[in-house]
Amino acid sequence: MSGSKMHADEVHIDEVLVSRLIAAQFPRWADLPVTKVRSAGTDNAMYRLGGDMAVRLPLIPGSADQIGRENRWLPHLAPHLPLAVPAPLGAGVPGEGYPFPWSVYRWIEGENLFDEPVAEPHEAAVELGRFITALRRIDATGAPRSFRGGPVSTRDGGVRAAIRDLGADGTVDAAAATAAWEATLRLPQWQGAPVWLHGDLLPGNLLARQGRLSAVIDFGVVGVGDPACDTMAAWTLLSAGTRDLFRASVGVDDATWARGRGWALCFGLTAEHYYRVTNPVLASVGHRAAAEALADHHRTA
């Protein structure tokens, strides 16, 4: 990842600041070492605290509400889910020159799927589908709207700008991307009740142990909406050879599946467009997602 800032309004965070925050607000942990966790995340910084805890701190004002969302809803969701998820241990408040809420979680062992792909991708496709199915069955009374819970059409301006710029330098086929995007905009929209979504099922937010999918992390944009959003994992993570297993496991109709592919195209184009200089890891995830979505659209058009 580049050492430059990803966002104009990004705050500076380092081990010294995190240690000060811990000492001031959780003095029982003041003697534990603090170590930065390498991550391609864009909204939060992660630090390991001792051997069995993690500290999560928003980088920008726009992600400051994610901490409260996770602390409020993760305990509600966790008992119903078949994979491990973060467990909040303490809620921090602004202080020591740091302006946002922050939180301490139990550390979850494992390697993210960007750095270490699973040994059995067919099994992982089924397990991820089961996770999404279990999540969307949980009672959603009082739940907040997900960041990606509404129609993908709300991202039209950003997608078209990405197609224009990425097409101009030859990164994408602008005509093919525009055709696939416009086909997405014509799809029937979700008419059912909103269901729980993780909202950000990217390889960096999925963990594996001993080659098997074991945990889902980063619930900062969790909320309710159209179930299509979480199916975009079929193109951000999975291969063409495992998508049918994932779709059977997650159980969605044709329109929802096609909207999920549209979400993958949207994420892929806009992520590569925005992060290709400041976060090349995430930009590469975006490039793959857009390429897979476009190829799939071409096969089924």
Protein backbone atom coordinates (compact mmCIF):
# COMPACT_ATOMS: atom_id res chain seq x y z
CA MET A 1 0.00 0.00 0.00
CA SER A 2 1.19 3.54 -0.74
CA GLY A 3 2.46 5.67 2.12
CA SER A 4 0.39 8.66 0.92
CA LYS A 5 -3.00 9.47 2.36
CA MET A 6 -6.00 7.85 0.71
CA HIS A 7 -8.40 10.69 1.63
CA ALA A 8 -8.01 14.46 1.91
CA ASP A 9 -9.65 14.46 5.37
CA GLU A 10 -7.70 11.49 6.76
CA VAL A 11 -6.30 11.89 10.29
CA HIS A 12 -2.85 10.71 11.37
CA ILE A 13 -2.76 7.64 13.62
CA ASP A 14 0.30 5.81 14.94
CA GLU A 15 1.37 3.45 17.72
CA VAL A 16 2.17 6.33 20.08
CA LEU A 17 -1.33 7.79 19.78
CA VAL A 18 -3.00 4.40 20.23
CA SER A 19 -0.88 3.69 23.31
CA ARG A 20 -1.90 7.06 24.80
CA LEU A 21 -5.57 6.35 24.15
CA ILE A 22 -5.34 2.93 25.77
CA ALA A 23 -3.48 4.27 28.80
CA ALA A 24 -6.00 7.08 29.30
CA GLN A 25 -9.21 5.10 28.77
CA PHE A 26 -8.33 1.46 29.47
CA PRO A 27 -5.47 1.66 32.01
CA ARG A 28 -5.70 -2.08 32.76
CA TRP A 29 -4.25 -2.66 29.27
CA ALA A 30 -1.70 0.18 29.38
CA ASP A 31 1.32 -2.11 29.59
CA LEU A 32 0.39 -4.20 26.55
CA PRO A 33 2.35 -3.67 23.31
CA VAL A 34 0.65 -1.92 20.40
CA THR A 35 1.54 -2.99 16.85
CA LYS A 36 0.14 -1.68 13.57
CA VAL A 37 -1.70 -4.28 11.48
CA ARG A 38 -0.92 -4.17 7.77
CA SER A 39 -4.19 -3.68 5.96
CA ALA A 40 -5.66 -2.50 2.67
CA GLY A 41 -8.63 -1.06 4.54
CA THR A 42 -9.68 2.45 3.62
CA ASP A 43 -11.90 3.68 6.46
CA ASN A 44 -10.19 2.47 9.64
CA ALA A 45 -6.72 1.77 11.05
CA MET A 46 -6.11 -1.47 12.92
CA TYR A 47 -3.60 -2.13 15.70
CA ARG A 48 -2.96 -5.29 17.65
CA LEU A 49 -3.09 -4.85 21.43
CA GLY A 50 -1.14 -7.51 23.28
CA GLY A 51 -1.74 -10.98 21.92
CA ASP A 52 -5.51 -11.28 21.94
CA MET A 53 -7.04 -7.86 21.23
CA ALA A 54 -7.36 -5.43 18.32
CA VAL A 55 -7.94 -1.67 18.29
CA ARG A 56 -9.98 -0.18 15.45
CA LEU A 57 -9.89 3.56 14.80
CA PRO A 58 -11.70 5.52 12.06
CA LEU A 59 -9.41 7.38 9.66
CA ILE A 60 -11.98 9.85 8.31
CA PRO A 61 -15.08 11.66 9.61
CA GLY A 62 -17.31 9.68 7.26
CA SER A 63 -16.44 6.40 8.97
CA ALA A 64 -16.75 7.63 12.56
CA ASP A 65 -20.23 6.14 12.98
CA GLN A 66 -18.99 2.65 12.09
CA ILE A 67 -17.67 2.03 15.59
CA GLY A 68 -21.03 2.64 17.25
CA ARG A 69 -22.74 0.52 14.63
CA GLU A 70 -20.45 -2.42 15.29
CA ASN A 71 -20.70 -2.11 19.07
CA ARG A 72 -24.49 -1.94 18.88
CA TRP A 73 -25.19 -4.72 16.38
CA LEU A 74 -22.37 -7.29 16.46
CA PRO A 75 -23.57 -8.80 19.78
CA HIS A 76 -27.05 -9.12 18.23
CA LEU A 77 -25.77 -10.83 15.07
CA ALA A 78 -22.93 -13.03 16.31
CA PRO A 79 -24.95 -15.82 18.00
CA HIS A 80 -26.79 -16.56 14.74
CA LEU A 81 -23.79 -16.72 12.40
CA PRO A 82 -21.82 -19.84 11.37
CA LEU A 83 -18.44 -18.07 11.14
CA ALA A 84 -16.53 -16.07 13.75
CA VAL A 85 -17.09 -12.29 13.83
CA PRO A 86 -15.47 -9.53 15.90
CA ALA A 87 -16.47 -9.26 19.57
CA PRO A 88 -16.38 -5.72 21.00
CA LEU A 89 -14.55 -5.48 24.35
CA GLY A 90 -14.50 -1.76 24.99
CA ALA A 91 -15.77 1.47 23.42
CA GLY A 92 -13.33 4.36 23.33
CA VAL A 93 -14.19 8.05 23.01
CA PRO A 94 -12.36 10.99 21.43
CA GLY A 95 -9.26 12.04 23.35
CA GLU A 96 -5.50 12.61 23.28
CA GLY A 97 -5.95 14.71 20.15
CA TYR A 98 -7.88 11.97 18.34
CA PRO A 99 -11.35 13.21 17.26
CA PHE A 100 -13.47 10.06 16.76
CA PRO A 101 -14.99 7.16 18.72
CA TRP A 102 -12.90 3.97 18.56
CA SER A 103 -13.10 0.45 19.90
CA VAL A 104 -11.25 -2.57 21.24
CA TYR A 105 -12.17 -6.05 19.98
CA ARG A 106 -11.11 -9.60 20.61
CA TRP A 107 -8.38 -10.59 18.16
CA ILE A 108 -9.41 -13.21 15.58
CA GLU A 109 -6.61 -15.43 14.33
CA GLY A 110 -6.39 -16.07 10.60
CA GLU A 111 -5.06 -14.76 7.31
CA ASN A 112 -7.17 -12.60 5.03
CA LEU A 113 -8.10 -14.15 1.70
CA PHE A 114 -6.23 -11.56 -0.33
CA ASP A 115 -2.92 -12.61 1.21
CA GLU A 116 -3.68 -16.33 1.53
CA PRO A 117 -6.42 -17.86 -0.69
CA VAL A 118 -8.36 -20.78 0.74
CA ALA A 119 -7.20 -24.31 0.02
CA GLU A 120 -10.69 -25.52 -0.92
CA PRO A 121 -12.44 -22.75 -2.90
CA HIS A 122 -15.55 -24.87 -3.57
CA GLU A 123 -16.05 -25.42 0.14
CA ALA A 124 -15.44 -21.73 0.85
CA ALA A 125 -18.06 -20.72 -1.73
CA VAL A 126 -20.67 -22.86 0.04
CA GLU A 127 -19.65 -21.65 3.52
CA LEU A 128 -19.80 -18.00 2.49
CA GLY A 129 -23.24 -18.56 0.99
CA ARG A 130 -24.40 -20.13 4.26
CA PHE A 131 -23.04 -17.18 6.19
CA ILE A 132 -24.95 -14.69 4.02
CA THR A 133 -28.14 -16.76 4.26
CA ALA A 134 -27.87 -16.95 8.05
CA LEU A 135 -27.22 -13.20 8.27
CA ARG A 136 -30.22 -12.19 6.20
CA ARG A 137 -32.54 -14.42 8.29
CA ILE A 138 -31.78 -12.52 11.51
CA ASP A 139 -34.50 -10.25 12.86
CA ALA A 140 -33.94 -6.79 11.37
CA THR A 141 -36.25 -4.80 13.65
CA GLY A 142 -34.73 -1.37 14.22
CA ALA A 143 -31.71 -2.10 12.04
CA PRO A 144 -29.96 0.77 10.23
CA ARG A 145 -29.75 1.03 6.46
CA SER A 146 -26.58 -0.43 4.99
CA PHE A 147 -24.13 1.82 3.14
CA ARG A 148 -24.84 -0.35 0.08
CA GLY A 149 -28.42 -1.21 1.00
CA GLY A 150 -30.21 0.91 -1.59
CA PRO A 151 -30.38 0.71 -5.38
CA VAL A 152 -27.05 0.50 -7.16
CA SER A 153 -28.37 3.21 -9.47
CA THR A 154 -27.51 5.77 -6.75
CA ARG A 155 -23.84 5.25 -7.75
CA ASP A 156 -24.44 6.13 -11.42
CA GLY A 157 -22.37 9.32 -11.47
CA GLY A 158 -19.32 7.72 -9.86
CA VAL A 159 -19.46 4.67 -12.13
CA ARG A 160 -19.70 6.74 -15.30
CA ALA A 161 -16.79 8.93 -14.20
CA ALA A 162 -14.71 5.80 -13.55
CA ILE A 163 -15.60 4.35 -16.96
CA ARG A 164 -14.65 7.62 -18.64
CA ASP A 165 -11.25 7.91 -16.97
CA LEU A 166 -10.32 4.21 -16.95
CA GLY A 167 -11.46 3.90 -20.53
CA ALA A 168 -9.39 6.89 -21.60
CA ASP A 169 -6.15 5.25 -20.46
CA GLY A 170 -7.10 1.79 -21.73
CA THR A 171 -7.59 0.19 -18.32
CA VAL A 172 -11.12 -0.91 -19.24
CA ASP A 173 -13.15 -1.30 -22.41
CA ALA A 174 -15.39 1.74 -21.98
CA ALA A 175 -18.04 0.55 -24.44
CA ALA A 176 -18.35 -2.88 -22.80
CA ALA A 177 -18.41 -1.40 -19.30
CA THR A 178 -21.06 1.15 -20.27
CA ALA A 179 -23.25 -1.54 -21.86
CA ALA A 180 -22.99 -3.76 -18.77
CA TRP A 181 -23.69 -0.86 -16.44
CA GLU A 182 -26.72 0.31 -18.40
CA ALA A 183 -28.05 -3.26 -18.38
CA THR A 184 -27.70 -3.18 -14.58
CA LEU A 185 -29.72 0.03 -14.37
CA ARG A 186 -32.59 -1.60 -16.28
CA LEU A 187 -32.92 -4.54 -13.86
CA PRO A 188 -36.02 -4.97 -11.65
CA GLN A 189 -35.39 -3.58 -8.17
CA TRP A 190 -35.80 -5.37 -4.84
CA GLN A 191 -39.43 -5.27 -3.66
CA GLY A 192 -39.11 -7.37 -0.51
CA ALA A 193 -38.46 -6.33 3.07
CA PRO A 194 -34.91 -5.13 3.79
CA VAL A 195 -32.61 -7.88 5.10
CA TRP A 196 -29.32 -7.82 6.96
CA LEU A 197 -26.21 -7.25 4.82
CA HIS A 198 -22.55 -7.26 5.72
CA GLY A 199 -22.09 -4.80 2.86
CA ASP A 200 -18.36 -5.22 2.28
CA LEU A 201 -17.55 -8.89 1.59
CA LEU A 202 -14.14 -8.32 0.03
CA PRO A 203 -11.16 -10.70 0.28
CA GLY A 204 -9.51 -8.54 2.94
CA ASN A 205 -12.56 -8.87 5.20
CA LEU A 206 -12.62 -12.67 5.15
CA LEU A 207 -10.21 -14.78 7.21
CA ALA A 208 -9.05 -18.35 6.85
CA ARG A 209 -7.30 -20.77 9.20
CA GLN A 210 -5.51 -23.85 7.91
CA GLY A 211 -6.84 -23.06 4.45
CA ARG A 212 -10.54 -22.94 5.46
CA LEU A 213 -12.84 -19.93 5.67
CA SER A 214 -13.16 -19.17 9.37
CA ALA A 215 -14.22 -15.57 10.05
CA VAL A 216 -15.79 -12.43 8.64
CA ILE A 217 -14.52 -9.07 9.90
CA ASP A 218 -15.16 -5.34 9.35
CA PHE A 219 -18.87 -4.81 9.97
CA GLY A 220 -18.58 -1.04 9.76
CA VAL A 221 -21.24 -0.73 7.05
CA VAL A 222 -23.51 -3.51 8.32
CA GLY A 223 -27.20 -2.80 7.96
CA VAL A 224 -30.25 -3.75 5.95
CA GLY A 225 -31.26 -3.46 2.33
CA ASP A 226 -31.35 -5.36 -0.97
CA PRO A 227 -29.75 -8.82 -0.57
CA ALA A 228 -28.05 -8.38 -3.97
CA CYS A 229 -25.25 -6.38 -2.39
CA ASP A 230 -23.68 -9.32 -0.54
CA THR A 231 -23.79 -11.55 -3.61
CA MET A 232 -21.12 -9.33 -5.19
CA ALA A 233 -18.65 -11.63 -3.41
CA ALA A 234 -19.25 -13.99 -6.35
CA TRP A 235 -17.17 -11.61 -8.51
CA THR A 236 -14.94 -9.84 -5.95
CA LEU A 237 -13.67 -13.14 -4.54
CA LEU A 238 -14.88 -16.30 -6.28
CA SER A 239 -14.01 -17.80 -9.65
CA ALA A 240 -16.38 -18.76 -12.44
CA GLY A 241 -15.95 -22.39 -11.38
CA THR A 242 -17.31 -21.81 -7.87
CA ARG A 243 -20.05 -19.24 -8.52
CA ASP A 244 -22.82 -21.77 -9.12
CA LEU A 245 -22.11 -23.42 -5.75
CA PHE A 246 -22.19 -20.03 -4.05
CA ARG A 247 -25.43 -19.07 -5.77
CA ALA A 248 -27.10 -22.34 -4.79
CA SER A 249 -25.97 -21.82 -1.20
CA VAL A 250 -27.11 -18.21 -1.00
CA GLY A 251 -30.39 -18.89 -2.83
CA VAL A 252 -31.29 -15.80 -4.85
CA ASP A 253 -33.41 -15.25 -7.96
CA ASP A 254 -32.12 -14.18 -11.37
CA ALA A 255 -32.74 -10.46 -10.89
CA THR A 256 -31.03 -10.39 -7.49
CA TRP A 257 -28.04 -12.28 -8.89
CA ALA A 258 -27.76 -9.85 -11.80
CA ARG A 259 -27.99 -6.85 -9.44
CA GLY A 260 -25.19 -8.42 -7.38
CA ARG A 261 -23.05 -8.56 -10.50
CA GLY A 262 -23.90 -4.90 -11.07
CA TRP A 263 -22.73 -4.11 -7.53
CA ALA A 264 -19.46 -5.95 -8.26
CA LEU A 265 -19.02 -3.89 -11.44
CA CYS A 266 -19.81 -0.69 -9.53
CA PHE A 267 -17.39 -1.49 -6.72
CA GLY A 268 -14.69 -2.68 -9.08
CA LEU A 269 -14.70 0.36 -11.35
CA THR A 270 -14.97 2.96 -8.61
CA ALA A 271 -12.41 1.30 -6.31
CA GLU A 272 -9.80 1.06 -9.06
CA HIS A 273 -10.54 4.62 -10.15
CA TYR A 274 -10.21 6.11 -6.66
CA TYR A 275 -7.46 3.97 -5.10
CA ARG A 276 -5.10 3.01 -7.93
CA VAL A 277 -2.40 5.38 -6.64
CA THR A 278 -3.01 5.44 -2.87
CA ASN A 279 -4.11 1.83 -2.26
CA PRO A 280 -2.97 -0.46 -5.09
CA VAL A 281 -4.00 -3.58 -3.15
CA LEU A 282 -7.65 -2.53 -3.03
CA ALA A 283 -7.41 -1.19 -6.59
CA SER A 284 -6.30 -4.65 -7.73
CA VAL A 285 -9.32 -6.21 -6.01
CA GLY A 286 -11.47 -3.69 -7.84
CA HIS A 287 -9.81 -4.44 -11.17
CA ARG A 288 -10.47 -8.16 -10.77
CA ALA A 289 -14.09 -7.59 -9.68
CA ALA A 290 -14.85 -5.41 -12.72
CA ALA A 291 -13.13 -7.82 -15.10
CA GLU A 292 -15.01 -10.84 -13.71
CA ALA A 293 -18.34 -9.00 -13.78
CA LEU A 294 -17.80 -7.85 -17.36
CA ALA A 295 -16.79 -11.32 -18.52
CA ASP A 296 -19.82 -12.85 -16.81
CA HIS A 297 -22.14 -10.24 -18.31
CA HIS A 298 -20.71 -10.96 -21.76
CA ARG A 299 -21.29 -14.71 -21.33
CA THR A 300 -24.91 -14.28 -20.29
CA ALA A 301 -25.96 -11.32 -22.45
